[in-house]
Amino acid sequence: MDVQEVRKLDAYLKRVFGNPKIRVVPRPKKDDSAEVYIGEEFVGVLFVDDEDDDRSFQFQMAILEEDLADLG
């Protein structure tokens, strides 16, 4: 993922989720993924999928059971 692609993904996620606090950040020493934050909180990873010459991106977000417990 180059800088231009990270910027496009950042803008896309902000628009789709209606949240200007979303940030897409390149991962050090990795060129196939980027980290996603809301403010300072890490929320997931975006992975590049280049299979069959059809570039796409997958967003992976883990939700811990302890995070759900806080909601009652």
Protein backbone atom coordinates (compact mmCIF):
# COMPACT_ATOMS: atom_id res chain seq x y z
CA MET A 1 0.00 0.00 0.00
CA ASP A 2 1.49 3.32 -0.99
CA VAL A 3 0.80 6.70 0.61
CA GLN A 4 -1.74 7.68 -2.05
CA GLU A 5 -3.72 4.48 -1.50
CA VAL A 6 -3.69 4.99 2.29
CA ARG A 7 -5.07 8.51 1.80
CA LYS A 8 -7.85 7.25 -0.47
CA LEU A 9 -8.80 4.51 2.00
CA ASP A 10 -8.73 7.04 4.86
CA ALA A 11 -11.11 9.37 3.01
CA TYR A 12 -13.35 6.48 1.97
CA LEU A 13 -13.76 5.12 5.52
CA LYS A 14 -14.41 8.60 6.93
CA ARG A 15 -17.15 9.13 4.36
CA VAL A 16 -18.74 5.66 4.60
CA PHE A 17 -18.85 5.60 8.41
CA GLY A 18 -19.50 9.33 8.79
CA ASN A 19 -16.66 9.69 11.26
CA PRO A 20 -13.86 12.22 10.72
CA LYS A 21 -11.86 10.68 13.60
CA ILE A 22 -11.08 7.52 11.58
CA ARG A 23 -7.41 7.30 10.58
CA VAL A 24 -5.71 4.83 8.25
CA VAL A 25 -2.02 4.47 9.12
CA PRO A 26 0.64 2.54 7.17
CA ARG A 27 2.17 -0.36 9.08
CA PRO A 28 5.94 -0.24 9.57
CA LYS A 29 7.78 -2.79 7.42
CA LYS A 30 4.52 -4.05 5.86
CA ASP A 31 3.30 -3.07 2.40
CA ASP A 32 0.23 -5.33 2.26
CA SER A 33 -1.78 -3.74 5.06
CA ALA A 34 -2.55 -0.64 7.12
CA GLU A 35 -3.93 -0.04 10.61
CA VAL A 36 -7.25 1.67 11.29
CA TYR A 37 -7.82 3.89 14.32
CA ILE A 38 -10.70 5.92 15.67
CA GLY A 39 -8.97 8.73 17.47
CA GLU A 40 -6.14 6.99 19.33
CA GLU A 41 -7.92 3.62 19.66
CA PHE A 42 -6.82 0.84 17.33
CA VAL A 43 -9.88 -0.80 15.75
CA GLY A 44 -8.61 -3.03 12.95
CA VAL A 45 -6.43 -3.78 9.95
CA LEU A 46 -6.98 -3.21 6.24
CA PHE A 47 -5.42 -5.90 4.05
CA VAL A 48 -4.69 -5.72 0.32
CA ASP A 49 -6.10 -8.55 -1.80
CA ASP A 50 -4.43 -8.74 -5.22
CA GLU A 51 -5.86 -12.09 -6.21
CA ASP A 52 -6.63 -12.53 -9.91
CA ASP A 53 -5.31 -9.04 -10.76
CA ASP A 54 -8.42 -7.55 -9.17
CA ARG A 55 -7.18 -5.32 -6.32
CA SER A 56 -9.50 -5.00 -3.35
CA PHE A 57 -9.22 -4.37 0.38
CA GLN A 58 -10.50 -6.27 3.38
CA PHE A 59 -11.15 -4.65 6.75
CA GLN A 60 -10.68 -6.95 9.73
CA MET A 61 -11.91 -5.89 13.16
CA ALA A 62 -11.88 -8.05 16.28
CA ILE A 63 -14.49 -7.47 18.98
CA LEU A 64 -13.51 -8.84 22.37
CA GLU A 65 -16.12 -10.29 24.69
CA GLU A 66 -14.86 -8.00 27.47
CA ASP A 67 -15.68 -4.99 25.27
CA LEU A 68 -19.28 -6.18 25.01
CA ALA A 69 -19.54 -6.66 28.78
CA ASP A 70 -19.11 -2.91 29.26
CA LEU A 71 -22.40 -2.37 27.41
CA GLY A 72 -24.47 -4.25 29.99
